[in-house]
Amino acid sequence: MEIVNGVRPMKIVIADDSMLIRDGLARLLAEAGCEVVATADNTATLMHKLDFAVPDAVIVDIKMPPTYTDEGIVAAHKLRSMDPSIGVLVLSQYLEAHYAMRLLSDAPEHLGYLLKERVSDVALLVDALRRVVEGECVIDPTIVTTLMRRPHVPDPLAGVTARELEVLALMAEGRSNAAIAGKLSMSPKTLEAHVRQILQKLNLPQSPDDHRRVLAVLKYLQATR
């Protein structure tokens, strides 16, 4: 696929045991300007095809042959060990927060977890793919909302205000500062102050080796699961 307006299309590999979903995703992504370089119906075939295809991102179903349990999570971790720069977007038919936590517990950059119902919105899907390619951590908003509704607020979040929790929840969805400020109708300066307070209250000092924003999201998800 040729470069359009100086932008190279994202190269995508799709792994899903359903031919209908594979073909549907490939068509939607092609129409959106992406290049689907390979597809697979199981993780063994996926790994074999990655010996030849060099994608920017891989979309993988969470449950595939042979056991239909956690093949997608296992594949995601294998992909990260092979090339940490590849974006990996895991799709799930059902809301399973524990799988999301397992996926993101180790080096969550370039990883995403979406419910399959989201893929019909191709703009949302392409945005999620672009964000994981760029190194962000993308979590389905439904999972974040479900965790927020749980009544128990454990000690790690005890000092975080209600407004800061709203900010943290939107951070957990992978939103940028500009998007969060717009969503909550606050100035960028006020939003930055909230983020600084959150990082301080979660005891996340500056470090050249850690991504504090991602660590804050992980603490939030662990505390509310």
Protein backbone atom coordinates (compact mmCIF):
# COMPACT_ATOMS: atom_id res chain seq x y z
CA MET A 1 0.00 0.00 0.00
CA GLU A 2 1.37 3.39 -0.99
CA ILE A 3 2.16 6.29 1.31
CA VAL A 4 -0.69 8.84 1.27
CA ASN A 5 -0.04 12.50 2.08
CA GLY A 6 3.32 11.55 3.57
CA VAL A 7 1.75 9.10 6.05
CA ARG A 8 2.51 5.39 5.86
CA PRO A 9 -0.55 3.24 6.60
CA MET A 10 -0.45 1.10 9.74
CA LYS A 11 0.39 -2.52 9.01
CA ILE A 12 -1.92 -4.85 10.93
CA VAL A 13 -2.05 -8.60 11.60
CA ILE A 14 -5.38 -10.07 12.72
CA ALA A 15 -5.69 -13.31 14.75
CA ASP A 16 -9.20 -14.63 15.43
CA ASP A 17 -10.65 -18.11 15.02
CA SER A 18 -13.83 -16.68 13.47
CA MET A 19 -13.46 -16.20 9.72
CA LEU A 20 -16.36 -13.75 9.79
CA ILE A 21 -14.61 -11.53 12.32
CA ARG A 22 -11.22 -11.80 10.58
CA ASP A 23 -12.65 -10.87 7.20
CA GLY A 24 -14.88 -8.17 8.66
CA LEU A 25 -12.01 -6.54 10.54
CA ALA A 26 -9.74 -6.75 7.49
CA ARG A 27 -12.35 -5.04 5.32
CA LEU A 28 -13.09 -2.30 7.87
CA LEU A 29 -9.41 -1.58 8.45
CA ALA A 30 -8.61 -1.54 4.73
CA GLU A 31 -11.44 0.94 4.14
CA ALA A 32 -10.00 3.08 6.97
CA GLY A 33 -6.61 3.22 5.26
CA CYS A 34 -4.77 0.47 7.16
CA GLU A 35 -2.88 -2.39 5.52
CA VAL A 36 -3.74 -5.88 6.76
CA VAL A 37 -0.56 -7.84 6.04
CA ALA A 38 -1.63 -11.24 7.46
CA THR A 39 -4.44 -13.08 9.25
CA ALA A 40 -4.49 -16.22 11.41
CA ASP A 41 -7.09 -18.43 13.05
CA ASN A 42 -4.90 -19.62 15.94
CA THR A 43 -1.82 -18.45 17.82
CA ALA A 44 0.53 -21.03 16.29
CA THR A 45 -0.30 -19.75 12.81
CA LEU A 46 -0.01 -16.19 14.08
CA MET A 47 3.53 -16.75 15.34
CA HIS A 48 4.50 -18.47 12.09
CA LYS A 49 3.20 -15.60 9.97
CA LEU A 50 5.06 -13.07 12.11
CA ASP A 51 8.28 -14.68 10.88
CA PHE A 52 7.47 -13.06 7.53
CA ALA A 53 5.15 -10.13 8.27
CA VAL A 54 6.43 -7.07 10.13
CA PRO A 55 3.33 -5.30 11.47
CA ASP A 56 2.92 -2.14 13.47
CA ALA A 57 0.17 -3.80 15.50
CA VAL A 58 -1.47 -7.17 16.08
CA ILE A 59 -5.14 -7.67 16.89
CA VAL A 60 -5.64 -10.94 18.78
CA ASP A 61 -8.77 -12.56 20.18
CA ILE A 62 -8.46 -13.46 23.86
CA LYS A 63 -9.87 -16.98 23.41
CA MET A 64 -8.72 -19.14 20.52
CA PRO A 65 -7.93 -22.80 19.79
CA PRO A 66 -7.04 -25.19 21.23
CA THR A 67 -8.42 -24.46 24.74
CA TYR A 68 -10.40 -21.25 24.17
CA THR A 69 -9.23 -19.82 27.50
CA ASP A 70 -6.36 -17.33 27.50
CA GLU A 71 -4.46 -17.95 24.25
CA GLY A 72 -4.67 -14.27 23.35
CA ILE A 73 -3.06 -13.17 26.62
CA VAL A 74 -0.26 -15.73 26.22
CA ALA A 75 0.28 -14.63 22.63
CA ALA A 76 0.39 -10.97 23.66
CA HIS A 77 3.18 -11.66 26.15
CA LYS A 78 5.09 -13.68 23.55
CA LEU A 79 4.78 -10.82 21.08
CA ARG A 80 6.07 -8.36 23.68
CA SER A 81 9.10 -10.55 24.35
CA MET A 82 9.79 -10.78 20.60
CA ASP A 83 9.43 -7.07 19.89
CA PRO A 84 8.25 -4.66 22.64
CA SER A 85 7.58 -1.94 20.05
CA ILE A 86 4.73 -3.86 18.37
CA GLY A 87 1.30 -2.64 19.42
CA VAL A 88 -0.94 -5.46 20.68
CA LEU A 89 -4.71 -5.02 20.92
CA VAL A 90 -6.52 -7.90 22.65
CA LEU A 91 -10.24 -8.33 21.94
CA SER A 92 -12.68 -10.00 24.32
CA GLN A 93 -16.30 -11.04 23.85
CA TYR A 94 -17.05 -10.49 27.54
CA LEU A 95 -16.05 -8.03 30.24
CA GLU A 96 -13.30 -9.85 32.14
CA ALA A 97 -11.35 -7.31 34.18
CA HIS A 98 -8.98 -9.95 35.58
CA TYR A 99 -7.75 -10.71 32.07
CA ALA A 100 -7.15 -7.01 31.47
CA MET A 101 -5.13 -6.80 34.68
CA ARG A 102 -3.13 -9.89 33.73
CA LEU A 103 -2.42 -8.45 30.29
CA LEU A 104 -1.25 -5.09 31.60
CA SER A 105 0.57 -6.20 34.75
CA ASP A 106 3.96 -6.35 33.05
CA ALA A 107 5.19 -3.50 30.83
CA PRO A 108 1.75 -2.19 29.78
CA GLU A 109 3.06 0.17 27.12
CA HIS A 110 1.94 -0.65 23.55
CA LEU A 111 -0.92 -2.80 24.90
CA GLY A 112 -4.69 -2.50 24.70
CA TYR A 113 -7.79 -4.42 25.78
CA LEU A 114 -11.14 -3.79 24.07
CA LEU A 115 -14.52 -5.49 24.06
CA LYS A 116 -15.44 -6.91 20.66
CA GLU A 117 -18.56 -4.79 20.54
CA ARG A 118 -16.26 -1.78 19.98
CA VAL A 119 -14.84 -3.01 16.67
CA SER A 120 -17.95 -2.04 14.72
CA ASP A 121 -16.89 1.56 15.33
CA VAL A 122 -13.93 1.62 12.94
CA ALA A 123 -12.85 5.12 14.01
CA LEU A 124 -12.58 3.95 17.63
CA LEU A 125 -10.74 0.78 16.57
CA VAL A 126 -8.21 2.65 14.42
CA ASP A 127 -7.70 5.21 17.19
CA ALA A 128 -7.00 2.40 19.69
CA LEU A 129 -4.55 0.78 17.26
CA ARG A 130 -2.76 4.07 16.63
CA ARG A 131 -2.45 4.70 20.35
CA VAL A 132 -0.97 1.28 21.16
CA VAL A 133 1.45 1.67 18.24
CA GLU A 134 2.53 5.00 19.76
CA GLY A 135 3.17 3.31 23.11
CA GLU A 136 -0.01 4.06 25.03
CA CYS A 137 -1.99 1.69 27.24
CA VAL A 138 -5.63 1.45 26.09
CA ILE A 139 -8.35 -0.04 28.30
CA ASP A 140 -12.00 -0.44 27.33
CA PRO A 141 -14.09 2.29 29.02
CA THR A 142 -16.66 -0.31 30.11
CA ILE A 143 -14.05 -2.02 32.30
CA VAL A 144 -13.06 1.29 33.87
CA THR A 145 -16.72 2.19 34.53
CA THR A 146 -17.41 -1.21 36.09
CA LEU A 147 -14.44 -0.86 38.44
CA MET A 148 -15.51 2.65 39.45
CA ARG A 149 -18.97 1.40 40.48
CA ARG A 150 -17.61 -1.06 43.01
CA PRO A 151 -18.35 0.29 46.49
CA HIS A 152 -15.14 -0.56 48.29
CA VAL A 153 -12.34 2.01 48.00
CA PRO A 154 -9.12 0.50 49.36
CA ASP A 155 -6.32 2.35 51.15
CA PRO A 156 -4.11 3.16 48.11
CA LEU A 157 -6.83 5.54 46.88
CA ALA A 158 -7.96 6.79 50.26
CA GLY A 159 -6.32 10.19 49.85
CA VAL A 160 -7.49 10.73 46.27
CA THR A 161 -10.41 13.16 45.90
CA ALA A 162 -13.55 12.42 43.89
CA ARG A 163 -12.41 14.80 41.16
CA GLU A 164 -8.98 13.19 41.04
CA LEU A 165 -10.64 9.78 40.75
CA GLU A 166 -12.51 11.07 37.69
CA VAL A 167 -9.20 12.17 36.19
CA LEU A 168 -7.58 8.85 37.07
CA ALA A 169 -10.45 6.88 35.53
CA LEU A 170 -10.05 8.76 32.25
CA MET A 171 -6.29 8.21 32.42
CA ALA A 172 -7.07 4.50 32.77
CA GLU A 173 -8.98 4.68 29.48
CA GLY A 174 -5.77 5.90 27.86
CA ARG A 175 -7.00 9.45 27.23
CA SER A 176 -4.56 12.31 26.74
CA ASN A 177 -4.42 15.36 29.03
CA ALA A 178 -6.14 17.46 26.37
CA ALA A 179 -8.97 14.91 26.05
CA ILE A 180 -9.40 14.65 29.83
CA ALA A 181 -9.47 18.43 30.25
CA GLY A 182 -12.12 18.69 27.54
CA LYS A 183 -14.21 15.87 28.99
CA LEU A 184 -14.19 17.38 32.50
CA SER A 185 -14.47 21.01 31.32
CA MET A 186 -11.31 22.18 33.05
CA SER A 187 -8.28 24.10 31.87
CA PRO A 188 -5.11 22.22 30.86
CA LYS A 189 -3.29 23.90 33.75
CA THR A 190 -5.87 22.69 36.29
CA LEU A 191 -5.73 19.19 34.80
CA GLU A 192 -1.94 19.12 35.06
CA ALA A 193 -2.23 20.12 38.73
CA HIS A 194 -4.65 17.24 39.35
CA VAL A 195 -2.29 14.77 37.64
CA ARG A 196 0.63 15.98 39.78
CA GLN A 197 -1.47 15.53 42.93
CA ILE A 198 -2.52 12.03 41.87
CA LEU A 199 1.07 10.93 41.22
CA GLN A 200 2.15 12.38 44.55
CA LYS A 201 -0.69 10.73 46.50
CA LEU A 202 0.03 7.38 44.86
CA ASN A 203 3.68 7.72 45.90
CA LEU A 204 5.07 7.71 42.37
CA PRO A 205 8.16 9.95 42.37
CA GLN A 206 9.87 10.93 39.15
CA SER A 207 12.14 8.22 37.74
CA PRO A 208 13.90 7.86 34.38
CA ASP A 209 13.11 4.13 34.37
CA ASP A 210 9.36 4.22 35.06
CA HIS A 211 6.32 5.55 33.20
CA ARG A 212 4.51 7.17 36.14
CA ARG A 213 1.24 7.66 34.28
CA VAL A 214 1.01 3.95 33.44
CA LEU A 215 1.99 2.98 37.00
CA ALA A 216 -0.78 5.24 38.34
CA VAL A 217 -3.32 3.50 36.10
CA LEU A 218 -2.14 0.08 37.25
CA LYS A 219 -2.43 1.09 40.92
CA TYR A 220 -5.94 2.35 40.23
CA LEU A 221 -7.03 -0.87 38.51
CA GLN A 222 -5.45 -3.06 41.17
CA ALA A 223 -7.13 -1.07 43.93
CA THR A 224 -10.60 -1.20 42.34
CA ARG A 225 -10.72 -4.72 40.96
